[in-house]
Amino acid sequence: FQMVSMLPQPTIAAINGYAFGGGMELALACDFRIA
């Protein structure tokens, strides 16, 4: 997830359903979150 956070490209978490625990943490590692 730190590698995701450090990607040079802009990142979007497209939250298409439940996001709990590590799933939410992946979304938080992205630059933008749309649900």
PDB file of all heavy atoms in Angstrom:
ATOM      1  N   PHE A   1       0.827  -1.209   0.000  1.00  0.00           N
ATOM      2  CA  PHE A   1       0.000   0.000   0.000  1.00  0.00           C
ATOM      3  C   PHE A   1       0.863   1.262   0.000  1.00  0.00           C
ATOM      4  O   PHE A   1       0.475   2.283  -0.575  1.00  0.00           O
ATOM      5  CB  PHE A   1      -0.949  -0.005   1.195  1.00  0.00           C
ATOM      6  CG  PHE A   1      -2.072  -1.016   1.078  1.00  0.00           C
ATOM      7  CD1 PHE A   1      -2.172  -1.846  -0.028  1.00  0.00           C
ATOM      8  CD2 PHE A   1      -3.012  -1.136   2.078  1.00  0.00           C
ATOM      9  CE1 PHE A   1      -3.192  -2.787  -0.137  1.00  0.00           C
ATOM     10  CE2 PHE A   1      -4.042  -2.064   1.988  1.00  0.00           C
ATOM     11  CZ  PHE A   1      -4.125  -2.897   0.879  1.00  0.00           C
ATOM     12  N   GLN A   2       2.022   1.204   0.625  1.00  0.00           N
ATOM     13  CA  GLN A   2       2.941   2.336   0.549  1.00  0.00           C
ATOM     14  C   GLN A   2       3.438   2.524  -0.882  1.00  0.00           C
ATOM     15  O   GLN A   2       3.603   3.656  -1.352  1.00  0.00           O
ATOM     16  CB  GLN A   2       4.118   2.143   1.506  1.00  0.00           C
ATOM     17  CG  GLN A   2       5.169   3.230   1.462  1.00  0.00           C
ATOM     18  CD  GLN A   2       4.672   4.594   1.914  1.00  0.00           C
ATOM     19  OE1 GLN A   2       3.534   4.738   2.358  1.00  0.00           O
ATOM     20  NE2 GLN A   2       5.508   5.605   1.776  1.00  0.00           N
ATOM     21  N   MET A   3       3.653   1.416  -1.589  1.00  0.00           N
ATOM     22  CA  MET A   3       4.045   1.506  -2.995  1.00  0.00           C
ATOM     23  C   MET A   3       2.938   2.148  -3.826  1.00  0.00           C
ATOM     24  O   MET A   3       3.208   2.935  -4.732  1.00  0.00           O
ATOM     25  CB  MET A   3       4.374   0.114  -3.532  1.00  0.00           C
ATOM     26  CG  MET A   3       5.642  -0.495  -2.961  1.00  0.00           C
ATOM     27  SD  MET A   3       5.870  -2.214  -3.464  1.00  0.00           S
ATOM     28  CE  MET A   3       5.981  -2.011  -5.252  1.00  0.00           C
ATOM     29  N   VAL A   4       1.691   1.818  -3.512  1.00  0.00           N
ATOM     30  CA  VAL A   4       0.557   2.454  -4.189  1.00  0.00           C
ATOM     31  C   VAL A   4       0.572   3.952  -3.917  1.00  0.00           C
ATOM     32  O   VAL A   4       0.419   4.783  -4.830  1.00  0.00           O
ATOM     33  CB  VAL A   4      -0.777   1.837  -3.723  1.00  0.00           C
ATOM     34  CG1 VAL A   4      -1.961   2.643  -4.254  1.00  0.00           C
ATOM     35  CG2 VAL A   4      -0.884   0.385  -4.183  1.00  0.00           C
ATOM     36  N   SER A   5       0.776   4.307  -2.651  1.00  0.00           N
ATOM     37  CA  SER A   5       0.802   5.715  -2.265  1.00  0.00           C
ATOM     38  C   SER A   5       1.907   6.484  -2.980  1.00  0.00           C
ATOM     39  O   SER A   5       1.746   7.670  -3.297  1.00  0.00           O
ATOM     40  CB  SER A   5       0.995   5.826  -0.750  1.00  0.00           C
ATOM     41  OG  SER A   5       1.095   7.171  -0.347  1.00  0.00           O
ATOM     42  N   MET A   6       3.030   5.802  -3.261  1.00  0.00           N
ATOM     43  CA  MET A   6       4.186   6.462  -3.852  1.00  0.00           C
ATOM     44  C   MET A   6       4.219   6.382  -5.375  1.00  0.00           C
ATOM     45  O   MET A   6       5.183   6.837  -5.987  1.00  0.00           O
ATOM     46  CB  MET A   6       5.467   5.849  -3.288  1.00  0.00           C
ATOM     47  CG  MET A   6       5.658   6.071  -1.790  1.00  0.00           C
ATOM     48  SD  MET A   6       5.700   7.818  -1.328  1.00  0.00           S
ATOM     49  CE  MET A   6       7.232   8.322  -2.099  1.00  0.00           C
ATOM     50  N   LEU A   7       3.194   5.813  -5.981  1.00  0.00           N
ATOM     51  CA  LEU A   7       3.160   5.810  -7.448  1.00  0.00           C
ATOM     52  C   LEU A   7       3.263   7.242  -7.968  1.00  0.00           C
ATOM     53  O   LEU A   7       2.604   8.140  -7.442  1.00  0.00           O
ATOM     54  CB  LEU A   7       1.868   5.177  -7.963  1.00  0.00           C
ATOM     55  CG  LEU A   7       1.821   3.651  -8.047  1.00  0.00           C
ATOM     56  CD1 LEU A   7       0.408   3.173  -8.386  1.00  0.00           C
ATOM     57  CD2 LEU A   7       2.798   3.126  -9.095  1.00  0.00           C
ATOM     58  N   PRO A   8       4.050   7.471  -8.994  1.00  0.00           N
ATOM     59  CA  PRO A   8       4.171   8.832  -9.515  1.00  0.00           C
ATOM     60  C   PRO A   8       2.892   9.320 -10.202  1.00  0.00           C
ATOM     61  O   PRO A   8       2.619  10.511 -10.233  1.00  0.00           O
ATOM     62  CB  PRO A   8       5.335   8.730 -10.498  1.00  0.00           C
ATOM     63  CG  PRO A   8       5.391   7.287 -10.891  1.00  0.00           C
ATOM     64  CD  PRO A   8       4.956   6.522  -9.681  1.00  0.00           C
ATOM     65  N   GLN A   9       2.110   8.379 -10.740  1.00  0.00           N
ATOM     66  CA  GLN A   9       0.870   8.747 -11.418  1.00  0.00           C
ATOM     67  C   GLN A   9      -0.242   9.048 -10.408  1.00  0.00           C
ATOM     68  O   GLN A   9      -0.280   8.460  -9.330  1.00  0.00           O
ATOM     69  CB  GLN A   9       0.402   7.622 -12.339  1.00  0.00           C
ATOM     70  CG  GLN A   9       1.397   7.185 -13.390  1.00  0.00           C
ATOM     71  CD  GLN A   9       2.211   5.982 -12.969  1.00  0.00           C
ATOM     72  OE1 GLN A   9       2.429   5.747 -11.785  1.00  0.00           O
ATOM     73  NE2 GLN A   9       2.679   5.206 -13.942  1.00  0.00           N
ATOM     74  N   PRO A  10      -1.165   9.941 -10.756  1.00  0.00           N
ATOM     75  CA  PRO A  10      -2.361  10.115  -9.924  1.00  0.00           C
ATOM     76  C   PRO A  10      -3.145   8.807  -9.850  1.00  0.00           C
ATOM     77  O   PRO A  10      -3.239   8.075 -10.840  1.00  0.00           O
ATOM     78  CB  PRO A  10      -3.162  11.189 -10.664  1.00  0.00           C
ATOM     79  CG  PRO A  10      -2.164  11.901 -11.522  1.00  0.00           C
ATOM     80  CD  PRO A  10      -1.150  10.869 -11.905  1.00  0.00           C
ATOM     81  N   THR A  11      -3.706   8.510  -8.667  1.00  0.00           N
ATOM     82  CA  THR A  11      -4.427   7.262  -8.468  1.00  0.00           C
ATOM     83  C   THR A  11      -5.829   7.539  -7.944  1.00  0.00           C
ATOM     84  O   THR A  11      -6.040   8.447  -7.131  1.00  0.00           O
ATOM     85  CB  THR A  11      -3.690   6.356  -7.474  1.00  0.00           C
ATOM     86  OG1 THR A  11      -3.459   7.077  -6.252  1.00  0.00           O
ATOM     87  CG2 THR A  11      -2.356   5.884  -8.043  1.00  0.00           C
ATOM     88  N   ILE A  12      -6.777   6.713  -8.406  1.00  0.00           N
ATOM     89  CA  ILE A  12      -8.178   6.844  -8.011  1.00  0.00           C
ATOM     90  C   ILE A  12      -8.651   5.515  -7.449  1.00  0.00           C
ATOM     91  O   ILE A  12      -8.516   4.478  -8.110  1.00  0.00           O
ATOM     92  CB  ILE A  12      -9.073   7.217  -9.216  1.00  0.00           C
ATOM     93  CG1 ILE A  12      -8.577   8.494  -9.896  1.00  0.00           C
ATOM     94  CG2 ILE A  12     -10.536   7.372  -8.774  1.00  0.00           C
ATOM     95  CD1 ILE A  12      -9.231   8.739 -11.259  1.00  0.00           C
ATOM     96  N   ALA A  13      -9.214   5.529  -6.253  1.00  0.00           N
ATOM     97  CA  ALA A  13      -9.881   4.349  -5.723  1.00  0.00           C
ATOM     98  C   ALA A  13     -11.344   4.430  -6.136  1.00  0.00           C
ATOM     99  O   ALA A  13     -12.074   5.329  -5.688  1.00  0.00           O
ATOM    100  CB  ALA A  13      -9.762   4.289  -4.207  1.00  0.00           C
ATOM    101  N   ALA A  14     -11.763   3.525  -7.013  1.00  0.00           N
ATOM    102  CA  ALA A  14     -13.157   3.450  -7.449  1.00  0.00           C
ATOM    103  C   ALA A  14     -13.855   2.444  -6.542  1.00  0.00           C
ATOM    104  O   ALA A  14     -13.818   1.238  -6.777  1.00  0.00           O
ATOM    105  CB  ALA A  14     -13.240   3.024  -8.912  1.00  0.00           C
ATOM    106  N   ILE A  15     -14.472   2.945  -5.480  1.00  0.00           N
ATOM    107  CA  ILE A  15     -15.028   2.099  -4.429  1.00  0.00           C
ATOM    108  C   ILE A  15     -16.421   1.661  -4.843  1.00  0.00           C
ATOM    109  O   ILE A  15     -17.416   2.360  -4.623  1.00  0.00           O
ATOM    110  CB  ILE A  15     -15.032   2.850  -3.081  1.00  0.00           C
ATOM    111  CG1 ILE A  15     -13.617   3.347  -2.756  1.00  0.00           C
ATOM    112  CG2 ILE A  15     -15.546   1.943  -1.962  1.00  0.00           C
ATOM    113  CD1 ILE A  15     -13.538   4.247  -1.542  1.00  0.00           C
ATOM    114  N   ASN A  16     -16.482   0.478  -5.441  1.00  0.00           N
ATOM    115  CA  ASN A  16     -17.714  -0.037  -6.034  1.00  0.00           C
ATOM    116  C   ASN A  16     -18.555  -0.855  -5.062  1.00  0.00           C
ATOM    117  O   ASN A  16     -19.603  -1.381  -5.439  1.00  0.00           O
ATOM    118  CB  ASN A  16     -17.368  -0.911  -7.243  1.00  0.00           C
ATOM    119  CG  ASN A  16     -16.399  -2.023  -6.885  1.00  0.00           C
ATOM    120  OD1 ASN A  16     -15.350  -1.767  -6.303  1.00  0.00           O
ATOM    121  ND2 ASN A  16     -16.727  -3.254  -7.230  1.00  0.00           N
ATOM    122  N   GLY A  17     -18.110  -0.986  -3.822  1.00  0.00           N
ATOM    123  CA  GLY A  17     -18.836  -1.765  -2.823  1.00  0.00           C
ATOM    124  C   GLY A  17     -18.137  -1.664  -1.489  1.00  0.00           C
ATOM    125  O   GLY A  17     -17.360  -0.733  -1.243  1.00  0.00           O
ATOM    126  N   TYR A  18     -18.393  -2.625  -0.608  1.00  0.00           N
ATOM    127  CA  TYR A  18     -17.835  -2.578   0.743  1.00  0.00           C
ATOM    128  C   TYR A  18     -16.335  -2.331   0.727  1.00  0.00           C
ATOM    129  O   TYR A  18     -15.585  -2.955  -0.024  1.00  0.00           O
ATOM    130  CB  TYR A  18     -18.089  -3.891   1.468  1.00  0.00           C
ATOM    131  CG  TYR A  18     -19.554  -4.224   1.687  1.00  0.00           C
ATOM    132  CD1 TYR A  18     -20.014  -5.524   1.507  1.00  0.00           C
ATOM    133  CD2 TYR A  18     -20.465  -3.250   2.074  1.00  0.00           C
ATOM    134  CE1 TYR A  18     -21.352  -5.842   1.705  1.00  0.00           C
ATOM    135  CE2 TYR A  18     -21.803  -3.554   2.270  1.00  0.00           C
ATOM    136  CZ  TYR A  18     -22.239  -4.855   2.087  1.00  0.00           C
ATOM    137  OH  TYR A  18     -23.561  -5.161   2.285  1.00  0.00           O
ATOM    138  N   ALA A  19     -15.896  -1.431   1.612  1.00  0.00           N
ATOM    139  CA  ALA A  19     -14.464  -1.157   1.788  1.00  0.00           C
ATOM    140  C   ALA A  19     -14.190  -1.135   3.277  1.00  0.00           C
ATOM    141  O   ALA A  19     -14.429  -0.129   3.954  1.00  0.00           O
ATOM    142  CB  ALA A  19     -14.079   0.171   1.145  1.00  0.00           C
ATOM    143  N   PHE A  20     -13.739  -2.264   3.807  1.00  0.00           N
ATOM    144  CA  PHE A  20     -13.479  -2.394   5.229  1.00  0.00           C
ATOM    145  C   PHE A  20     -12.010  -2.750   5.462  1.00  0.00           C
ATOM    146  O   PHE A  20     -11.380  -3.405   4.636  1.00  0.00           O
ATOM    147  CB  PHE A  20     -14.362  -3.475   5.856  1.00  0.00           C
ATOM    148  CG  PHE A  20     -15.833  -3.173   5.791  1.00  0.00           C
ATOM    149  CD1 PHE A  20     -16.730  -4.122   5.319  1.00  0.00           C
ATOM    150  CD2 PHE A  20     -16.328  -1.952   6.199  1.00  0.00           C
ATOM    151  CE1 PHE A  20     -18.083  -3.855   5.253  1.00  0.00           C
ATOM    152  CE2 PHE A  20     -17.684  -1.667   6.137  1.00  0.00           C
ATOM    153  CZ  PHE A  20     -18.563  -2.621   5.668  1.00  0.00           C
ATOM    154  N   GLY A  21     -11.497  -2.349   6.632  1.00  0.00           N
ATOM    155  CA  GLY A  21     -10.151  -2.748   7.009  1.00  0.00           C
ATOM    156  C   GLY A  21      -9.128  -2.415   5.942  1.00  0.00           C
ATOM    157  O   GLY A  21      -8.998  -1.269   5.499  1.00  0.00           O
ATOM    158  N   GLY A  22      -8.399  -3.457   5.496  1.00  0.00           N
ATOM    159  CA  GLY A  22      -7.377  -3.262   4.475  1.00  0.00           C
ATOM    160  C   GLY A  22      -7.918  -2.716   3.174  1.00  0.00           C
ATOM    161  O   GLY A  22      -7.209  -2.017   2.439  1.00  0.00           O
ATOM    162  N   GLY A  23      -9.175  -3.003   2.870  1.00  0.00           N
ATOM    163  CA  GLY A  23      -9.774  -2.426   1.667  1.00  0.00           C
ATOM    164  C   GLY A  23      -9.869  -0.920   1.768  1.00  0.00           C
ATOM    165  O   GLY A  23      -9.564  -0.189   0.820  1.00  0.00           O
ATOM    166  N   MET A  24     -10.280  -0.426   2.948  1.00  0.00           N
ATOM    167  CA  MET A  24     -10.332   1.017   3.162  1.00  0.00           C
ATOM    168  C   MET A  24      -8.934   1.607   3.171  1.00  0.00           C
ATOM    169  O   MET A  24      -8.711   2.720   2.687  1.00  0.00           O
ATOM    170  CB  MET A  24     -11.034   1.309   4.485  1.00  0.00           C
ATOM    171  CG  MET A  24     -11.372   2.788   4.690  1.00  0.00           C
ATOM    172  SD  MET A  24     -12.658   3.348   3.567  1.00  0.00           S
ATOM    173  CE  MET A  24     -11.896   4.814   2.850  1.00  0.00           C
ATOM    174  N   GLU A  25      -7.973   0.852   3.686  1.00  0.00           N
ATOM    175  CA  GLU A  25      -6.593   1.341   3.714  1.00  0.00           C
ATOM    176  C   GLU A  25      -6.006   1.459   2.318  1.00  0.00           C
ATOM    177  O   GLU A  25      -5.226   2.373   2.036  1.00  0.00           O
ATOM    178  CB  GLU A  25      -5.739   0.438   4.600  1.00  0.00           C
ATOM    179  CG  GLU A  25      -6.077   0.598   6.076  1.00  0.00           C
ATOM    180  CD  GLU A  25      -5.298  -0.335   6.978  1.00  0.00           C
ATOM    181  OE1 GLU A  25      -5.489  -1.561   6.859  1.00  0.00           O
ATOM    182  OE2 GLU A  25      -4.507   0.158   7.795  1.00  0.00           O
ATOM    183  N   LEU A  26      -6.380   0.545   1.419  1.00  0.00           N
ATOM    184  CA  LEU A  26      -5.955   0.695   0.027  1.00  0.00           C
ATOM    185  C   LEU A  26      -6.539   1.970  -0.565  1.00  0.00           C
ATOM    186  O   LEU A  26      -5.847   2.729  -1.259  1.00  0.00           O
ATOM    187  CB  LEU A  26      -6.384  -0.521  -0.807  1.00  0.00           C
ATOM    188  CG  LEU A  26      -6.159  -0.402  -2.317  1.00  0.00           C
ATOM    189  CD1 LEU A  26      -4.689  -0.172  -2.647  1.00  0.00           C
ATOM    190  CD2 LEU A  26      -6.679  -1.649  -3.038  1.00  0.00           C
ATOM    191  N   ALA A  27      -7.807   2.220  -0.288  1.00  0.00           N
ATOM    192  CA  ALA A  27      -8.442   3.442  -0.791  1.00  0.00           C
ATOM    193  C   ALA A  27      -7.745   4.681  -0.242  1.00  0.00           C
ATOM    194  O   ALA A  27      -7.538   5.671  -0.964  1.00  0.00           O
ATOM    195  CB  ALA A  27      -9.921   3.451  -0.431  1.00  0.00           C
ATOM    196  N   LEU A  28      -7.368   4.644   1.033  1.00  0.00           N
ATOM    197  CA  LEU A  28      -6.683   5.785   1.642  1.00  0.00           C
ATOM    198  C   LEU A  28      -5.295   5.998   1.048  1.00  0.00           C
ATOM    199  O   LEU A  28      -4.775   7.119   1.053  1.00  0.00           O
ATOM    200  CB  LEU A  28      -6.562   5.586   3.150  1.00  0.00           C
ATOM    201  CG  LEU A  28      -7.863   5.670   3.946  1.00  0.00           C
ATOM    202  CD1 LEU A  28      -7.636   5.233   5.392  1.00  0.00           C
ATOM    203  CD2 LEU A  28      -8.452   7.072   3.903  1.00  0.00           C
ATOM    204  N   ALA A  29      -4.683   4.930   0.531  1.00  0.00           N
ATOM    205  CA  ALA A  29      -3.363   5.048  -0.100  1.00  0.00           C
ATOM    206  C   ALA A  29      -3.451   5.684  -1.479  1.00  0.00           C
ATOM    207  O   ALA A  29      -2.422   6.083  -2.041  1.00  0.00           O
ATOM    208  CB  ALA A  29      -2.698   3.676  -0.196  1.00  0.00           C
ATOM    209  N   CYS A  30      -4.658   5.754  -2.036  1.00  0.00           N
ATOM    210  CA  CYS A  30      -4.850   6.401  -3.340  1.00  0.00           C
ATOM    211  C   CYS A  30      -5.024   7.910  -3.151  1.00  0.00           C
ATOM    212  O   CYS A  30      -5.353   8.388  -2.072  1.00  0.00           O
ATOM    213  CB  CYS A  30      -6.064   5.813  -4.051  1.00  0.00           C
ATOM    214  SG  CYS A  30      -5.878   4.074  -4.520  1.00  0.00           S
ATOM    215  N   ASP A  31      -4.841   8.648  -4.237  1.00  0.00           N
ATOM    216  CA  ASP A  31      -4.952  10.104  -4.174  1.00  0.00           C
ATOM    217  C   ASP A  31      -6.399  10.571  -4.092  1.00  0.00           C
ATOM    218  O   ASP A  31      -6.699  11.580  -3.455  1.00  0.00           O
ATOM    219  CB  ASP A  31      -4.292  10.733  -5.409  1.00  0.00           C
ATOM    220  CG  ASP A  31      -2.830  10.379  -5.530  1.00  0.00           C
ATOM    221  OD1 ASP A  31      -2.135  10.385  -4.501  1.00  0.00           O
ATOM    222  OD2 ASP A  31      -2.380  10.071  -6.651  1.00  0.00           O
ATOM    223  N   PHE A  32      -7.300   9.847  -4.743  1.00  0.00           N
ATOM    224  CA  PHE A  32      -8.708  10.222  -4.789  1.00  0.00           C
ATOM    225  C   PHE A  32      -9.570   8.997  -4.503  1.00  0.00           C
ATOM    226  O   PHE A  32      -9.184   7.867  -4.833  1.00  0.00           O
ATOM    227  CB  PHE A  32      -9.083  10.790  -6.169  1.00  0.00           C
ATOM    228  CG  PHE A  32      -8.188  11.913  -6.614  1.00  0.00           C
ATOM    229  CD1 PHE A  32      -7.176  11.685  -7.535  1.00  0.00           C
ATOM    230  CD2 PHE A  32      -8.346  13.191  -6.109  1.00  0.00           C
ATOM    231  CE1 PHE A  32      -6.335  12.708  -7.940  1.00  0.00           C
ATOM    232  CE2 PHE A  32      -7.507  14.231  -6.507  1.00  0.00           C
ATOM    233  CZ  PHE A  32      -6.503  13.988  -7.429  1.00  0.00           C
ATOM    234  N   ARG A  33     -10.751   9.240  -3.925  1.00  0.00           N
ATOM    235  CA  ARG A  33     -11.683   8.165  -3.611  1.00  0.00           C
ATOM    236  C   ARG A  33     -13.074   8.557  -4.088  1.00  0.00           C
ATOM    237  O   ARG A  33     -13.626   9.573  -3.636  1.00  0.00           O
ATOM    238  CB  ARG A  33     -11.690   7.907  -2.098  1.00  0.00           C
ATOM    239  CG  ARG A  33     -10.452   7.196  -1.583  1.00  0.00           C
ATOM    240  CD  ARG A  33     -10.175   7.492  -0.117  1.00  0.00           C
ATOM    241  NE  ARG A  33      -9.852   8.908   0.072  1.00  0.00           N
ATOM    242  CZ  ARG A  33      -8.671   9.442  -0.194  1.00  0.00           C
ATOM    243  NH1 ARG A  33      -7.677   8.689  -0.635  1.00  0.00           N
ATOM    244  NH2 ARG A  33      -8.464  10.735  -0.021  1.00  0.00           N
ATOM    245  N   ILE A  34     -13.603   7.753  -4.996  1.00  0.00           N
ATOM    246  CA  ILE A  34     -14.963   7.948  -5.503  1.00  0.00           C
ATOM    247  C   ILE A  34     -15.737   6.673  -5.183  1.00  0.00           C
ATOM    248  O   ILE A  34     -15.274   5.575  -5.486  1.00  0.00           O
ATOM    249  CB  ILE A  34     -14.970   8.224  -7.019  1.00  0.00           C
ATOM    250  CG1 ILE A  34     -14.114   9.463  -7.338  1.00  0.00           C
ATOM    251  CG2 ILE A  34     -16.396   8.413  -7.524  1.00  0.00           C
ATOM    252  CD1 ILE A  34     -13.967   9.749  -8.815  1.00  0.00           C
ATOM    253  N   ALA A  35     -16.914   6.815  -4.568  1.00  0.00           N
ATOM    254  CA  ALA A  35     -17.665   5.641  -4.117  1.00  0.00           C
ATOM    255  C   ALA A  35     -19.093   5.653  -4.627  1.00  0.00           C
ATOM    256  O   ALA A  35     -19.681   6.724  -4.875  1.00  0.00           O
ATOM    257  CB  ALA A  35     -17.673   5.576  -2.588  1.00  0.00           C
TER     258      ALA A  35
END
